[in-house]
Structures are given as C-alpha cells and as structure tokens.
PDB file of N, CA and C in Angstrom:
ATOM      1  N   MET A   1     -29.027 -19.555 -11.978  1.00  0.00           N
ATOM      2  CA  MET A   1     -29.353 -18.301 -11.338  1.00  0.00           C
ATOM      3  C   MET A   1     -29.490 -18.481  -9.826  1.00  0.00           C
ATOM      4  N   GLY A   2     -30.092 -19.569  -9.387  1.00  0.00           N
ATOM      5  CA  GLY A   2     -30.273 -19.821  -7.966  1.00  0.00           C
ATOM      6  C   GLY A   2     -28.953 -20.036  -7.247  1.00  0.00           C
ATOM      7  N   LEU A   3     -27.994 -20.657  -7.960  1.00  0.00           N
ATOM      8  CA  LEU A   3     -26.680 -20.886  -7.366  1.00  0.00           C
ATOM      9  C   LEU A   3     -25.933 -19.568  -7.159  1.00  0.00           C
ATOM     10  N   ARG A   4     -26.109 -18.655  -8.095  1.00  0.00           N
ATOM     11  CA  ARG A   4     -25.458 -17.349  -7.966  1.00  0.00           C
ATOM     12  C   ARG A   4     -26.028 -16.574  -6.777  1.00  0.00           C
ATOM     13  N   ILE A   5     -27.318 -16.645  -6.565  1.00  0.00           N
ATOM     14  CA  ILE A   5     -27.937 -15.963  -5.426  1.00  0.00           C
ATOM     15  C   ILE A   5     -27.467 -16.585  -4.120  1.00  0.00           C
ATOM     16  N   LEU A   6     -27.408 -17.915  -4.083  1.00  0.00           N
ATOM     17  CA  LEU A   6     -26.928 -18.603  -2.886  1.00  0.00           C
ATOM     18  C   LEU A   6     -25.467 -18.251  -2.602  1.00  0.00           C
ATOM     19  N   ALA A   7     -24.650 -18.193  -3.650  1.00  0.00           N
ATOM     20  CA  ALA A   7     -23.240 -17.821  -3.479  1.00  0.00           C
ATOM     21  C   ALA A   7     -23.112 -16.373  -3.026  1.00  0.00           C
ATOM     22  N   SER A   8     -23.967 -15.500  -3.526  1.00  0.00           N
ATOM     23  CA  SER A   8     -23.933 -14.098  -3.106  1.00  0.00           C
ATOM     24  C   SER A   8     -24.275 -13.953  -1.626  1.00  0.00           C
ATOM     25  N   ILE A   9     -25.293 -14.673  -1.194  1.00  0.00           N
ATOM     26  CA  ILE A   9     -25.684 -14.623   0.218  1.00  0.00           C
ATOM     27  C   ILE A   9     -24.572 -15.183   1.099  1.00  0.00           C
ATOM     28  N   ALA A  10     -23.971 -16.296   0.671  1.00  0.00           N
ATOM     29  CA  ALA A  10     -22.876 -16.885   1.443  1.00  0.00           C
ATOM     30  C   ALA A  10     -21.668 -15.953   1.492  1.00  0.00           C
ATOM     31  N   ALA A  11     -21.389 -15.260   0.404  1.00  0.00           N
ATOM     32  CA  ALA A  11     -20.254 -14.333   0.379  1.00  0.00           C
ATOM     33  C   ALA A  11     -20.499 -13.146   1.295  1.00  0.00           C
ATOM     34  N   VAL A  12     -21.716 -12.627   1.297  1.00  0.00           N
ATOM     35  CA  VAL A  12     -22.035 -11.493   2.168  1.00  0.00           C
ATOM     36  C   VAL A  12     -21.955 -11.904   3.634  1.00  0.00           C
ATOM     37  N   LEU A  13     -22.513 -13.052   3.957  1.00  0.00           N
ATOM     38  CA  LEU A  13     -22.454 -13.517   5.342  1.00  0.00           C
ATOM     39  C   LEU A  13     -21.015 -13.815   5.760  1.00  0.00           C
ATOM     40  N   GLY A  14     -20.253 -14.437   4.878  1.00  0.00           N
ATOM     41  CA  GLY A  14     -18.857 -14.732   5.194  1.00  0.00           C
ATOM     42  C   GLY A  14     -18.032 -13.474   5.393  1.00  0.00           C
ATOM     43  N   ALA A  15     -18.238 -12.484   4.532  1.00  0.00           N
ATOM     44  CA  ALA A  15     -17.500 -11.225   4.673  1.00  0.00           C
ATOM     45  C   ALA A  15     -17.908 -10.493   5.951  1.00  0.00           C
ATOM     46  N   ALA A  16     -19.197 -10.539   6.274  1.00  0.00           N
ATOM     47  CA  ALA A  16     -19.657  -9.881   7.500  1.00  0.00           C
ATOM     48  C   ALA A  16     -19.095 -10.570   8.736  1.00  0.00           C
ATOM     49  N   LEU A  17     -19.086 -11.898   8.745  1.00  0.00           N
ATOM     50  CA  LEU A  17     -18.543 -12.625   9.890  1.00  0.00           C
ATOM     51  C   LEU A  17     -17.033 -12.429  10.010  1.00  0.00           C
ATOM     52  N   LEU A  18     -16.347 -12.397   8.881  1.00  0.00           N
ATOM     53  CA  LEU A  18     -14.900 -12.165   8.899  1.00  0.00           C
ATOM     54  C   LEU A  18     -14.577 -10.779   9.439  1.00  0.00           C
ATOM     55  N   THR A  19     -15.334  -9.777   9.022  1.00  0.00           N
ATOM     56  CA  THR A  19     -15.118  -8.414   9.507  1.00  0.00           C
ATOM     57  C   THR A  19     -15.461  -8.300  10.988  1.00  0.00           C
ATOM     58  N   LEU A  20     -16.516  -8.954  11.418  1.00  0.00           N
ATOM     59  CA  LEU A  20     -16.887  -8.928  12.835  1.00  0.00           C
ATOM     60  C   LEU A  20     -15.821  -9.598  13.691  1.00  0.00           C
ATOM     61  N   ALA A  21     -15.316 -10.746  13.254  1.00  0.00           N
ATOM     62  CA  ALA A  21     -14.266 -11.435  14.003  1.00  0.00           C
ATOM     63  C   ALA A  21     -12.991 -10.604  14.052  1.00  0.00           C
ATOM     64  N   CYS A  22     -12.681  -9.946  12.955  1.00  0.00           N
ATOM     65  CA  CYS A  22     -11.504  -9.072  12.903  1.00  0.00           C
ATOM     66  C   CYS A  22     -11.661  -7.905  13.858  1.00  0.00           C
ATOM     67  N   THR A  23     -12.824  -7.311  13.897  1.00  0.00           N
ATOM     68  CA  THR A  23     -13.068  -6.169  14.778  1.00  0.00           C
ATOM     69  C   THR A  23     -12.999  -6.579  16.249  1.00  0.00           C
ATOM     70  N   ILE A  24     -13.571  -7.726  16.581  1.00  0.00           N
ATOM     71  CA  ILE A  24     -13.524  -8.201  17.972  1.00  0.00           C
ATOM     72  C   ILE A  24     -12.091  -8.477  18.399  1.00  0.00           C
ATOM     73  N   SER A  25     -11.324  -9.111  17.530  1.00  0.00           N
ATOM     74  CA  SER A  25      -9.924  -9.393  17.889  1.00  0.00           C
ATOM     75  C   SER A  25      -9.109  -8.109  17.997  1.00  0.00           C
ATOM     76  N   LEU A  26      -9.431  -7.109  17.171  1.00  0.00           N
ATOM     77  CA  LEU A  26      -8.722  -5.831  17.270  1.00  0.00           C
ATOM     78  C   LEU A  26      -9.044  -5.103  18.570  1.00  0.00           C
ATOM     79  N   VAL A  27     -10.288  -5.162  19.005  1.00  0.00           N
ATOM     80  CA  VAL A  27     -10.656  -4.523  20.273  1.00  0.00           C
ATOM     81  C   VAL A  27      -9.936  -5.200  21.431  1.00  0.00           C
ATOM     82  N   GLN A  28      -9.890  -6.533  21.418  1.00  0.00           N
ATOM     83  CA  GLN A  28      -9.187  -7.252  22.477  1.00  0.00           C
ATOM     84  C   GLN A  28      -7.693  -6.938  22.458  1.00  0.00           C
ATOM     85  N   ALA A  29      -7.110  -6.876  21.267  1.00  0.00           N
ATOM     86  CA  ALA A  29      -5.685  -6.562  21.168  1.00  0.00           C
ATOM     87  C   ALA A  29      -5.392  -5.132  21.614  1.00  0.00           C
ATOM     88  N   THR A  30      -6.290  -4.210  21.325  1.00  0.00           N
ATOM     89  CA  THR A  30      -6.100  -2.826  21.755  1.00  0.00           C
ATOM     90  C   THR A  30      -6.183  -2.705  23.269  1.00  0.00           C
ATOM     91  N   ILE A  31      -7.108  -3.420  23.876  1.00  0.00           N
ATOM     92  CA  ILE A  31      -7.226  -3.403  25.338  1.00  0.00           C
ATOM     93  C   ILE A  31      -5.953  -3.951  25.977  1.00  0.00           C
ATOM     94  N   GLN A  32      -5.413  -5.028  25.418  1.00  0.00           N
ATOM     95  CA  GLN A  32      -4.177  -5.593  25.966  1.00  0.00           C
ATOM     96  C   GLN A  32      -2.983  -4.686  25.695  1.00  0.00           C
ATOM     97  N   ALA A  33      -2.956  -4.011  24.553  1.00  0.00           N
ATOM     98  CA  ALA A  33      -1.827  -3.137  24.230  1.00  0.00           C
ATOM     99  C   ALA A  33      -1.790  -1.924  25.133  1.00  0.00           C
ATOM    100  N   VAL A  34      -2.949  -1.398  25.484  1.00  0.00           N
ATOM    101  CA  VAL A  34      -2.999  -0.219  26.354  1.00  0.00           C
ATOM    102  C   VAL A  34      -2.645  -0.589  27.793  1.00  0.00           C
ATOM    103  N   ALA A  35      -2.824  -1.852  28.166  1.00  0.00           N
ATOM    104  CA  ALA A  35      -2.557  -2.283  29.531  1.00  0.00           C
ATOM    105  C   ALA A  35      -1.081  -2.552  29.800  1.00  0.00           C
ATOM    106  N   VAL A  36      -0.219  -2.467  28.798  1.00  0.00           N
ATOM    107  CA  VAL A  36       1.212  -2.711  28.999  1.00  0.00           C
ATOM    108  C   VAL A  36       1.784  -1.574  29.842  1.00  0.00           C
ATOM    109  N   HIS A  37       2.607  -1.919  30.869  1.00  0.00           N
ATOM    110  CA  HIS A  37       3.079  -0.904  31.806  1.00  0.00           C
ATOM    111  C   HIS A  37       4.275  -0.089  31.331  1.00  0.00           C
ATOM    112  N   PRO A  38       5.365  -0.651  30.875  1.00  0.00           N
ATOM    113  CA  PRO A  38       6.459   0.245  30.432  1.00  0.00           C
ATOM    114  C   PRO A  38       6.022   1.072  29.223  1.00  0.00           C
ATOM    115  N   PHE A  39       6.218   2.381  29.321  1.00  0.00           N
ATOM    116  CA  PHE A  39       5.703   3.278  28.294  1.00  0.00           C
ATOM    117  C   PHE A  39       6.263   2.998  26.902  1.00  0.00           C
ATOM    118  N   PRO A  40       7.572   2.749  26.731  1.00  0.00           N
ATOM    119  CA  PRO A  40       8.076   2.467  25.376  1.00  0.00           C
ATOM    120  C   PRO A  40       7.454   1.199  24.766  1.00  0.00           C
ATOM    121  N   LEU A  41       7.230   0.194  25.594  1.00  0.00           N
ATOM    122  CA  LEU A  41       6.581  -1.023  25.091  1.00  0.00           C
ATOM    123  C   LEU A  41       5.115  -0.771  24.752  1.00  0.00           C
ATOM    124  N   ARG A  42       4.471   0.118  25.518  1.00  0.00           N
ATOM    125  CA  ARG A  42       3.083   0.457  25.224  1.00  0.00           C
ATOM    126  C   ARG A  42       2.973   1.168  23.876  1.00  0.00           C
ATOM    127  N   VAL A  43       3.911   2.077  23.597  1.00  0.00           N
ATOM    128  CA  VAL A  43       3.921   2.779  22.308  1.00  0.00           C
ATOM    129  C   VAL A  43       4.125   1.776  21.178  1.00  0.00           C
ATOM    130  N   LEU A  44       5.050   0.850  21.374  1.00  0.00           N
ATOM    131  CA  LEU A  44       5.301  -0.176  20.357  1.00  0.00           C
ATOM    132  C   LEU A  44       4.076  -1.073  20.160  1.00  0.00           C
ATOM    133  N   ALA A  45       3.419  -1.452  21.261  1.00  0.00           N
ATOM    134  CA  ALA A  45       2.253  -2.327  21.170  1.00  0.00           C
ATOM    135  C   ALA A  45       1.087  -1.638  20.463  1.00  0.00           C
ATOM    136  N   VAL A  46       0.845  -0.376  20.807  1.00  0.00           N
ATOM    137  CA  VAL A  46      -0.265   0.353  20.174  1.00  0.00           C
ATOM    138  C   VAL A  46       0.046   0.612  18.702  1.00  0.00           C
ATOM    139  N   SER A  47       1.299   0.923  18.389  1.00  0.00           N
ATOM    140  CA  SER A  47       1.671   1.153  16.984  1.00  0.00           C
ATOM    141  C   SER A  47       1.516  -0.107  16.158  1.00  0.00           C
ATOM    142  N   SER A  48       1.989  -1.225  16.689  1.00  0.00           N
ATOM    143  CA  SER A  48       1.846  -2.476  15.941  1.00  0.00           C
ATOM    144  C   SER A  48       0.381  -2.896  15.841  1.00  0.00           C
ATOM    145  N   ASP A  49      -0.400  -2.601  16.876  1.00  0.00           N
ATOM    146  CA  ASP A  49      -1.834  -2.889  16.817  1.00  0.00           C
ATOM    147  C   ASP A  49      -2.503  -2.069  15.719  1.00  0.00           C
ATOM    148  N   PHE A  50      -2.098  -0.815  15.582  1.00  0.00           N
ATOM    149  CA  PHE A  50      -2.653   0.041  14.532  1.00  0.00           C
ATOM    150  C   PHE A  50      -2.287  -0.480  13.144  1.00  0.00           C
ATOM    151  N   VAL A  51      -1.022  -0.838  12.953  1.00  0.00           N
ATOM    152  CA  VAL A  51      -0.565  -1.310  11.639  1.00  0.00           C
ATOM    153  C   VAL A  51      -1.209  -2.649  11.287  1.00  0.00           C
ATOM    154  N   LEU A  52      -1.173  -3.596  12.213  1.00  0.00           N
ATOM    155  CA  LEU A  52      -1.755  -4.908  11.936  1.00  0.00           C
ATOM    156  C   LEU A  52      -3.277  -4.839  11.803  1.00  0.00           C
ATOM    157  N   GLY A  53      -3.917  -3.991  12.610  1.00  0.00           N
ATOM    158  CA  GLY A  53      -5.369  -3.844  12.508  1.00  0.00           C
ATOM    159  C   GLY A  53      -5.794  -3.249  11.183  1.00  0.00           C
ATOM    160  N   THR A  54      -5.039  -2.255  10.715  1.00  0.00           N
ATOM    161  CA  THR A  54      -5.339  -1.671   9.410  1.00  0.00           C
ATOM    162  C   THR A  54      -5.170  -2.709   8.306  1.00  0.00           C
ATOM    163  N   GLY A  55      -4.107  -3.495   8.407  1.00  0.00           N
ATOM    164  CA  GLY A  55      -3.899  -4.557   7.411  1.00  0.00           C
ATOM    165  C   GLY A  55      -4.990  -5.611   7.435  1.00  0.00           C
ATOM    166  N   MET A  56      -5.434  -5.981   8.631  1.00  0.00           N
ATOM    167  CA  MET A  56      -6.500  -6.984   8.737  1.00  0.00           C
ATOM    168  C   MET A  56      -7.812  -6.464   8.157  1.00  0.00           C
ATOM    169  N   LEU A  57      -8.164  -5.230   8.466  1.00  0.00           N
ATOM    170  CA  LEU A  57      -9.418  -4.681   7.948  1.00  0.00           C
ATOM    171  C   LEU A  57      -9.356  -4.468   6.437  1.00  0.00           C
ATOM    172  N   LEU A  58      -8.212  -4.031   5.923  1.00  0.00           N
ATOM    173  CA  LEU A  58      -8.067  -3.912   4.469  1.00  0.00           C
ATOM    174  C   LEU A  58      -8.134  -5.278   3.803  1.00  0.00           C
ATOM    175  N   GLY A  59      -7.591  -6.299   4.470  1.00  0.00           N
ATOM    176  CA  GLY A  59      -7.697  -7.661   3.942  1.00  0.00           C
ATOM    177  C   GLY A  59      -9.145  -8.138   3.885  1.00  0.00           C
ATOM    178  N   CYS A  60      -9.930  -7.796   4.899  1.00  0.00           N
ATOM    179  CA  CYS A  60     -11.355  -8.158   4.886  1.00  0.00           C
ATOM    180  C   CYS A  60     -12.080  -7.472   3.738  1.00  0.00           C
ATOM    181  N   ILE A  61     -11.779  -6.215   3.514  1.00  0.00           N
ATOM    182  CA  ILE A  61     -12.410  -5.490   2.410  1.00  0.00           C
ATOM    183  C   ILE A  61     -11.995  -6.098   1.072  1.00  0.00           C
ATOM    184  N   TYR A  62     -10.707  -6.464   0.953  1.00  0.00           N
ATOM    185  CA  TYR A  62     -10.232  -7.072  -0.289  1.00  0.00           C
ATOM    186  C   TYR A  62     -10.931  -8.400  -0.557  1.00  0.00           C
ATOM    187  N   VAL A  63     -11.053  -9.234   0.473  1.00  0.00           N
ATOM    188  CA  VAL A  63     -11.702 -10.536   0.295  1.00  0.00           C
ATOM    189  C   VAL A  63     -13.164 -10.353  -0.095  1.00  0.00           C
ATOM    190  N   ALA A  64     -13.869  -9.445   0.556  1.00  0.00           N
ATOM    191  CA  ALA A  64     -15.282  -9.223   0.238  1.00  0.00           C
ATOM    192  C   ALA A  64     -15.444  -8.699  -1.185  1.00  0.00           C
ATOM    193  N   THR A  65     -14.590  -7.765  -1.589  1.00  0.00           N
ATOM    194  CA  THR A  65     -14.681  -7.217  -2.940  1.00  0.00           C
ATOM    195  C   THR A  65     -14.324  -8.270  -3.979  1.00  0.00           C
ATOM    196  N   HIS A  66     -13.305  -9.058  -3.703  1.00  0.00           N
ATOM    197  CA  HIS A  66     -12.889 -10.099  -4.632  1.00  0.00           C
ATOM    198  C   HIS A  66     -13.986 -11.152  -4.814  1.00  0.00           C
ATOM    199  N   LEU A  67     -14.636 -11.528  -3.725  1.00  0.00           N
ATOM    200  CA  LEU A  67     -15.750 -12.482  -3.823  1.00  0.00           C
ATOM    201  C   LEU A  67     -16.921 -11.898  -4.613  1.00  0.00           C
ATOM    202  N   ALA A  68     -17.229 -10.634  -4.348  1.00  0.00           N
ATOM    203  CA  ALA A  68     -18.360 -10.008  -5.047  1.00  0.00           C
ATOM    204  C   ALA A  68     -18.095  -9.902  -6.537  1.00  0.00           C
ATOM    205  N   VAL A  69     -16.898  -9.509  -6.918  1.00  0.00           N
ATOM    206  CA  VAL A  69     -16.574  -9.387  -8.339  1.00  0.00           C
ATOM    207  C   VAL A  69     -16.551 -10.766  -8.992  1.00  0.00           C
ATOM    208  N   GLY A  70     -16.058 -11.756  -8.272  1.00  0.00           N
ATOM    209  CA  GLY A  70     -16.034 -13.115  -8.826  1.00  0.00           C
ATOM    210  C   GLY A  70     -17.424 -13.702  -9.021  1.00  0.00           C
ATOM    211  N   ILE A  71     -18.341 -13.402  -8.121  1.00  0.00           N
ATOM    212  CA  ILE A  71     -19.690 -13.952  -8.225  1.00  0.00           C
ATOM    213  C   ILE A  71     -20.496 -13.209  -9.280  1.00  0.00           C
ATOM    214  N   VAL A  72     -20.462 -11.890  -9.233  1.00  0.00           N
ATOM    215  CA  VAL A  72     -21.264 -11.098 -10.155  1.00  0.00           C
ATOM    216  C   VAL A  72     -20.669 -11.119 -11.553  1.00  0.00           C
ATOM    217  N   GLY A  73     -19.358 -11.197 -11.655  1.00  0.00           N
ATOM    218  CA  GLY A  73     -18.701 -11.260 -12.957  1.00  0.00           C
ATOM    219  C   GLY A  73     -18.497  -9.907 -13.594  1.00  0.00           C
ATOM    220  N   VAL A  74     -18.411  -8.856 -12.795  1.00  0.00           N
ATOM    221  CA  VAL A  74     -18.255  -7.518 -13.331  1.00  0.00           C
ATOM    222  C   VAL A  74     -16.870  -7.334 -13.930  1.00  0.00           C
ATOM    223  N   GLY A  75     -15.898  -8.068 -13.456  1.00  0.00           N
ATOM    224  CA  GLY A  75     -14.531  -7.890 -13.905  1.00  0.00           C
ATOM    225  C   GLY A  75     -14.287  -8.296 -15.343  1.00  0.00           C
ATOM    226  N   LYS A  76     -15.252  -8.891 -16.001  1.00  0.00           N
ATOM    227  CA  LYS A  76     -15.070  -9.351 -17.370  1.00  0.00           C
ATOM    228  C   LYS A  76     -15.609  -8.374 -18.411  1.00  0.00           C
ATOM    229  N   THR A  77     -16.241  -7.305 -17.980  1.00  0.00           N
ATOM    230  CA  THR A  77     -16.791  -6.349 -18.931  1.00  0.00           C
ATOM    231  C   THR A  77     -15.706  -5.408 -19.428  1.00  0.00           C
ATOM    232  N   GLU A  78     -15.897  -4.890 -20.626  1.00  0.00           N
ATOM    233  CA  GLU A  78     -14.939  -3.955 -21.191  1.00  0.00           C
ATOM    234  C   GLU A  78     -15.415  -2.527 -20.927  1.00  0.00           C
ATOM    235  N   PHE A  79     -14.473  -1.680 -20.640  1.00  0.00           N
ATOM    236  CA  PHE A  79     -14.791  -0.291 -20.385  1.00  0.00           C
ATOM    237  C   PHE A  79     -14.894   0.464 -21.703  1.00  0.00           C
ATOM    238  N   PRO A  80     -15.799   1.427 -21.788  1.00  0.00           N
ATOM    239  CA  PRO A  80     -15.872   2.230 -23.019  1.00  0.00           C
ATOM    240  C   PRO A  80     -14.647   3.139 -23.119  1.00  0.00           C
ATOM    241  N   GLU A  81     -14.302   3.477 -24.352  1.00  0.00           N
ATOM    242  CA  GLU A  81     -13.145   4.338 -24.554  1.00  0.00           C
ATOM    243  C   GLU A  81     -13.467   5.765 -24.118  1.00  0.00           C
ATOM    244  N   LEU A  82     -12.445   6.427 -23.615  1.00  0.00           N
ATOM    245  CA  LEU A  82     -12.618   7.811 -23.198  1.00  0.00           C
ATOM    246  C   LEU A  82     -12.626   8.718 -24.416  1.00  0.00           C
ATOM    247  N   GLN A  83     -13.492   9.700 -24.394  1.00  0.00           N
ATOM    248  CA  GLN A  83     -13.539  10.661 -25.483  1.00  0.00           C
ATOM    249  C   GLN A  83     -12.531  11.765 -25.207  1.00  0.00           C
ATOM    250  N   VAL A  84     -11.704  12.028 -26.177  1.00  0.00           N
ATOM    251  CA  VAL A  84     -10.688  13.058 -26.038  1.00  0.00           C
ATOM    252  C   VAL A  84     -11.226  14.343 -26.643  1.00  0.00           C
ATOM    253  N   GLU A  85     -11.245  15.396 -25.833  1.00  0.00           N
ATOM    254  CA  GLU A  85     -11.719  16.679 -26.341  1.00  0.00           C
ATOM    255  C   GLU A  85     -10.584  17.363 -27.082  1.00  0.00           C
ATOM    256  N   ARG A  86     -10.882  17.862 -28.242  1.00  0.00           N
ATOM    257  CA  ARG A  86      -9.860  18.528 -29.049  1.00  0.00           C
ATOM    258  C   ARG A  86     -10.239  19.999 -29.198  1.00  0.00           C
ATOM    259  N   TYR A  87      -9.280  20.854 -28.977  1.00  0.00           N
ATOM    260  CA  TYR A  87      -9.490  22.287 -29.092  1.00  0.00           C
ATOM    261  C   TYR A  87      -8.656  22.826 -30.249  1.00  0.00           C
ATOM    262  N   ASP A  88      -9.116  23.925 -30.782  1.00  0.00           N
ATOM    263  CA  ASP A  88      -8.333  24.592 -31.822  1.00  0.00           C
ATOM    264  C   ASP A  88      -7.062  25.149 -31.202  1.00  0.00           C
ATOM    265  N   SER A  89      -6.025  25.202 -32.000  1.00  0.00           N
ATOM    266  CA  SER A  89      -4.765  25.713 -31.483  1.00  0.00           C
ATOM    267  C   SER A  89      -4.780  27.231 -31.352  1.00  0.00           C
ATOM    268  N   ASP A  90      -5.601  27.900 -32.154  1.00  0.00           N
ATOM    269  CA  ASP A  90      -5.675  29.352 -32.030  1.00  0.00           C
ATOM    270  C   ASP A  90      -6.878  29.731 -31.175  1.00  0.00           C
ATOM    271  N   VAL A  91      -6.617  30.480 -30.135  1.00  0.00           N
ATOM    272  CA  VAL A  91      -7.653  30.890 -29.207  1.00  0.00           C
ATOM    273  C   VAL A  91      -7.968  32.352 -29.469  1.00  0.00           C
ATOM    274  N   ARG A  92      -9.259  32.614 -29.666  1.00  0.00           N
ATOM    275  CA  ARG A  92      -9.679  34.000 -29.885  1.00  0.00           C
ATOM    276  C   ARG A  92      -9.865  34.678 -28.547  1.00  0.00           C
ATOM    277  N   SER A  93      -9.652  35.958 -28.495  1.00  0.00           N
ATOM    278  CA  SER A  93      -9.744  36.686 -27.237  1.00  0.00           C
ATOM    279  C   SER A  93     -11.180  36.790 -26.742  1.00  0.00           C
ATOM    280  N   ASP A  94     -12.180  36.723 -27.652  1.00  0.00           N
ATOM    281  CA  ASP A  94     -13.573  36.863 -27.206  1.00  0.00           C
ATOM    282  C   ASP A  94     -14.192  35.523 -26.816  1.00  0.00           C
ATOM    283  N   ASP A  95     -13.469  34.429 -26.997  1.00  0.00           N
ATOM    284  CA  ASP A  95     -14.010  33.115 -26.668  1.00  0.00           C
ATOM    285  C   ASP A  95     -13.218  32.515 -25.518  1.00  0.00           C
ATOM    286  N   SER A  96     -13.685  32.765 -24.274  1.00  0.00           N
ATOM    287  CA  SER A  96     -12.943  32.306 -23.112  1.00  0.00           C
ATOM    288  C   SER A  96     -13.218  30.831 -22.794  1.00  0.00           C
ATOM    289  N   ALA A  97     -14.169  30.199 -23.464  1.00  0.00           N
ATOM    290  CA  ALA A  97     -14.482  28.797 -23.191  1.00  0.00           C
ATOM    291  C   ALA A  97     -13.399  27.875 -23.716  1.00  0.00           C
ATOM    292  N   LYS A  98     -12.573  28.338 -24.640  1.00  0.00           N
ATOM    293  CA  LYS A  98     -11.546  27.475 -25.207  1.00  0.00           C
ATOM    294  C   LYS A  98     -10.214  27.585 -24.473  1.00  0.00           C
ATOM    295  N   ILE A  99     -10.164  28.361 -23.435  1.00  0.00           N
ATOM    296  CA  ILE A  99      -8.906  28.530 -22.699  1.00  0.00           C
ATOM    297  C   ILE A  99      -8.739  27.398 -21.740  1.00  0.00           C
TER     298      ILE A  99
END
C-alpha cells in the first residue's frame, strides 16, 4: 500500500513537471514565432506552434492519465451491462410516455 501511495505522488509530480516544462517551452516558442519578420513565415511558424503545442499538451495529458490508470488499476474492472429499455410495439393514443 505504501508503494502505491509513493508511486501516485511521483506520478502526480512527474505529470505536473512535464506539463509545466511543456507550457514554458510553448510560451518561448510562441514568442519566437511571433517575432519572425516575413509575414508568410510568421503564419507558418504560428500555425506549426499551434499544432505542435496542442500535440505536446495532449501527450502530457495522455501520459498523466496512463500513469494514473496503471497505478490505481481502474482499467482492470469490468463495466456493468447496459439495461435495454423495451417498449410495446402498439402505442395507445392516451399514453404519450411510450412515444
């Protein structure tokens, strides 16, 4: 039990540091992309910064979620079956709840 708590704390700190480092690098890249002088290159730089930044942040979220599921072990549980509601095929005109 103590190892799981230690791993959880390490995963949270690692995910937080990874996200912080990603955010800092994205801010620096955005500042450099906006400073490009030719306008077509600036559009390309900002667009690529947006695409790569979105991918980096989604990657951070994926890593944090994957670590959390691996530590807690939620991914091994079975989901309950969905209940299927069955209605009569003939609908009466005075019963609007079955429509």
